[in-house]
Amino acid sequence: MAKAAAAKLDPRYPIGRFRYERPLTAAERKQAIASMEQMPAKLRAALKGLRPKQLDTPYREGGWTVRQVAHHIADSHLNGYTRLKLALTEDEPTIKPYDENEWAKLADTRRTPVETSVALVESLHQRWVNLWRSLAPADFERKFRHPVSGVWPAEWLLALYAWHGMHHVGHITALRKRMRW
């Protein structure tokens, strides 16, 4: 029990670690798609009213700033959307990984208002959710190859990104709660 309580307090995983239990049921897929649909509004709400100094505060010691987290969500979800489209249109494509920590250090992350990434995530998720909802059950089984972690079905992307967005929103909301912002 103490171990479980300690895991809940780990600021790296405010909603817990990602778990993929395959295959997902139709109800689990529907729930994950709904989470993806709701996440942009939750991101907007989490960022609402934050001042520049607050945006430049790390969500945990040694972690990214709120600004980096917001831009990372856009970067990551763009990659996820592209990976899904590749899986749906090619025969087991190999996707290209990227160094998210290096991306988070680039000038556009420091200089671009977080609103730009929030608007991008809102638009992207409209398209992505529409695509997910259009899929036949067999489409969720389409495969892609990650050069490090192996071959995955498209539904793994659904589970991952439904978790991923809320995971990072959790970083922001947990920081706001701790800092009483």
Protein backbone atom coordinates (compact mmCIF):
# COMPACT_ATOMS: atom_id res chain seq x y z
CA MET A 1 0.00 0.00 0.00
CA ALA A 2 2.81 2.44 0.86
CA LYS A 3 4.38 1.76 -2.53
CA ALA A 4 1.10 2.58 -4.32
CA ALA A 5 0.73 5.80 -2.31
CA ALA A 6 4.30 6.81 -3.19
CA ALA A 7 3.59 6.18 -6.88
CA LYS A 8 0.56 8.49 -6.70
CA LEU A 9 2.76 11.28 -5.34
CA ASP A 10 5.38 10.97 -8.10
CA PRO A 11 5.18 14.37 -9.87
CA ARG A 12 6.39 12.75 -13.11
CA TYR A 13 3.16 10.73 -13.36
CA PRO A 14 0.26 12.76 -11.99
CA ILE A 15 -2.31 10.37 -13.51
CA GLY A 16 -0.17 7.24 -13.26
CA ARG A 17 2.10 5.56 -15.78
CA PHE A 18 0.87 4.64 -19.25
CA ARG A 19 -0.58 1.13 -19.48
CA TYR A 20 -1.78 -0.59 -22.62
CA GLU A 21 -3.88 -3.69 -22.08
CA ARG A 22 -4.63 -5.09 -25.47
CA PRO A 23 -6.87 -5.43 -27.22
CA LEU A 24 -9.06 -2.50 -26.25
CA THR A 25 -12.78 -3.11 -26.16
CA ALA A 26 -15.07 -0.98 -28.30
CA ALA A 27 -16.14 0.84 -25.11
CA GLU A 28 -12.50 1.52 -24.14
CA ARG A 29 -11.80 2.89 -27.62
CA LYS A 30 -14.83 5.14 -27.39
CA GLN A 31 -13.72 6.38 -23.97
CA ALA A 32 -10.17 7.06 -25.22
CA ILE A 33 -11.51 9.01 -28.21
CA ALA A 34 -13.74 11.04 -25.88
CA SER A 35 -10.70 11.80 -23.71
CA MET A 36 -8.82 13.01 -26.78
CA GLU A 37 -11.77 15.18 -27.72
CA GLN A 38 -11.93 16.76 -24.25
CA MET A 39 -8.20 17.23 -23.69
CA PRO A 40 -7.71 20.50 -25.63
CA ALA A 41 -10.33 22.27 -23.50
CA LYS A 42 -8.68 20.89 -20.36
CA LEU A 43 -5.30 22.12 -21.58
CA ARG A 44 -6.73 25.58 -22.27
CA ALA A 45 -8.30 25.67 -18.79
CA ALA A 46 -5.04 24.51 -17.14
CA LEU A 47 -3.10 27.34 -18.81
CA LYS A 48 -5.72 30.05 -18.32
CA GLY A 49 -4.42 33.18 -16.66
CA LEU A 50 -0.84 32.04 -16.20
CA ARG A 51 1.70 34.85 -16.39
CA PRO A 52 5.02 34.54 -18.26
CA LYS A 53 6.97 33.81 -15.07
CA GLN A 54 4.51 31.04 -14.20
CA LEU A 55 4.76 29.61 -17.73
CA ASP A 56 8.52 29.49 -17.28
CA THR A 57 8.27 27.52 -14.01
CA PRO A 58 9.23 23.83 -14.16
CA TYR A 59 6.36 21.55 -13.20
CA ARG A 60 8.83 19.60 -11.02
CA GLU A 61 12.49 19.88 -10.08
CA GLY A 62 14.51 19.02 -13.18
CA GLY A 63 11.38 18.94 -15.34
CA TRP A 64 10.18 21.01 -18.24
CA THR A 65 8.58 24.39 -17.78
CA VAL A 66 4.85 24.79 -18.25
CA ARG A 67 5.65 26.53 -21.55
CA GLN A 68 7.74 23.56 -22.71
CA VAL A 69 4.99 21.14 -21.69
CA ALA A 70 2.36 23.06 -23.68
CA HIS A 71 4.51 23.14 -26.81
CA HIS A 72 5.56 19.51 -26.33
CA ILE A 73 1.93 18.40 -26.41
CA ALA A 74 1.54 20.01 -29.83
CA ASP A 75 4.81 18.52 -31.11
CA SER A 76 4.04 15.05 -29.81
CA HIS A 77 0.43 14.97 -30.96
CA LEU A 78 1.41 16.12 -34.45
CA ASN A 79 3.80 13.18 -34.57
CA GLY A 80 1.11 10.83 -33.24
CA TYR A 81 -1.43 11.97 -35.83
CA THR A 82 1.12 11.45 -38.61
CA ARG A 83 2.00 8.01 -37.27
CA LEU A 84 -1.65 6.99 -37.34
CA LYS A 85 -2.06 8.18 -40.92
CA LEU A 86 1.06 6.22 -41.92
CA ALA A 87 -0.28 3.09 -40.20
CA LEU A 88 -3.60 3.46 -42.03
CA THR A 89 -2.09 4.03 -45.47
CA GLU A 90 1.09 1.93 -45.56
CA ASP A 91 1.94 -1.68 -44.82
CA GLU A 92 3.61 -1.68 -41.38
CA PRO A 93 5.55 1.57 -41.84
CA THR A 94 8.58 2.33 -39.72
CA ILE A 95 8.03 5.61 -37.95
CA LYS A 96 10.74 8.12 -37.17
CA PRO A 97 11.38 8.78 -33.50
CA TYR A 98 12.44 12.25 -32.36
CA ASP A 99 14.32 13.62 -29.38
CA GLU A 100 11.57 15.39 -27.45
CA ASN A 101 14.04 16.90 -24.97
CA GLU A 102 16.00 18.55 -27.77
CA TRP A 103 12.80 19.74 -29.44
CA ALA A 104 11.76 21.32 -26.11
CA LYS A 105 14.98 23.39 -26.12
CA LEU A 106 14.47 24.91 -29.59
CA ALA A 107 13.84 28.63 -29.98
CA ASP A 108 10.24 28.22 -31.12
CA THR A 109 9.44 26.71 -27.73
CA ARG A 110 10.83 29.76 -25.92
CA ARG A 111 9.48 32.42 -28.31
CA THR A 112 6.07 31.17 -29.42
CA PRO A 113 3.09 32.05 -27.24
CA VAL A 114 1.51 28.96 -25.66
CA GLU A 115 -1.77 30.05 -27.24
CA THR A 116 -0.34 29.08 -30.63
CA SER A 117 0.18 25.49 -29.49
CA VAL A 118 -3.18 25.37 -27.72
CA ALA A 119 -4.94 26.47 -30.92
CA LEU A 120 -2.91 23.93 -32.90
CA VAL A 121 -3.87 21.14 -30.48
CA GLU A 122 -7.54 22.16 -30.67
CA SER A 123 -7.54 22.01 -34.47
CA LEU A 124 -5.43 18.88 -34.64
CA HIS A 125 -7.65 17.04 -32.19
CA GLN A 126 -10.76 17.92 -34.23
CA ARG A 127 -9.18 16.18 -37.22
CA TRP A 128 -7.72 13.34 -35.16
CA VAL A 129 -10.96 12.58 -33.33
CA ASN A 130 -12.85 12.62 -36.64
CA LEU A 131 -10.33 10.17 -38.06
CA TRP A 132 -10.51 7.86 -35.03
CA ARG A 133 -14.31 7.85 -35.17
CA SER A 134 -14.26 6.94 -38.87
CA LEU A 135 -12.23 3.76 -38.37
CA ALA A 136 -13.59 0.27 -38.81
CA PRO A 137 -12.62 -2.24 -36.10
CA ALA A 138 -9.93 -3.78 -38.35
CA ASP A 139 -8.29 -0.35 -38.80
CA PHE A 140 -7.40 -0.26 -35.11
CA GLU A 141 -5.30 -3.37 -35.73
CA ARG A 142 -3.22 -1.78 -38.51
CA LYS A 143 0.43 -1.97 -37.53
CA PHE A 144 3.42 0.35 -37.50
CA ARG A 145 6.98 -0.26 -36.42
CA HIS A 146 8.77 1.83 -33.85
CA PRO A 147 12.52 1.29 -34.31
CA VAL A 148 13.11 1.09 -30.55
CA SER A 149 10.00 -0.48 -29.03
CA GLY A 150 8.78 -2.76 -31.83
CA VAL A 151 5.56 -3.32 -33.76
CA TRP A 152 2.33 -1.80 -32.44
CA PRO A 153 -1.31 -1.67 -33.55
CA ALA A 154 -2.92 1.68 -34.30
CA GLU A 155 -5.07 1.35 -31.18
CA TRP A 156 -1.88 1.58 -29.10
CA LEU A 157 -1.56 5.14 -30.43
CA LEU A 158 -5.12 5.83 -29.31
CA ALA A 159 -4.43 4.54 -25.81
CA LEU A 160 -1.07 6.33 -25.62
CA TYR A 161 -2.25 9.74 -26.77
CA ALA A 162 -5.46 9.66 -24.74
CA TRP A 163 -3.19 9.15 -21.72
CA HIS A 164 -0.42 11.49 -22.93
CA GLY A 165 -2.49 14.65 -23.20
CA MET A 166 -4.08 14.19 -19.80
CA HIS A 167 -0.69 13.25 -18.32
CA HIS A 168 0.74 16.64 -19.29
CA VAL A 169 -2.40 18.55 -18.35
CA GLY A 170 -1.93 16.84 -14.98
CA HIS A 171 1.59 18.26 -14.74
CA ILE A 172 0.23 21.77 -15.16
CA THR A 173 -2.76 21.40 -12.85
CA ALA A 174 -0.67 19.71 -10.13
CA LEU A 175 1.84 22.57 -10.27
CA ARG A 176 -0.94 25.15 -10.05
CA LYS A 177 -2.36 23.37 -7.03
CA ARG A 178 1.04 23.12 -5.31
CA MET A 179 1.83 26.78 -6.04
CA ARG A 180 -1.73 27.94 -5.28
CA TRP A 181 -2.01 29.72 -8.60
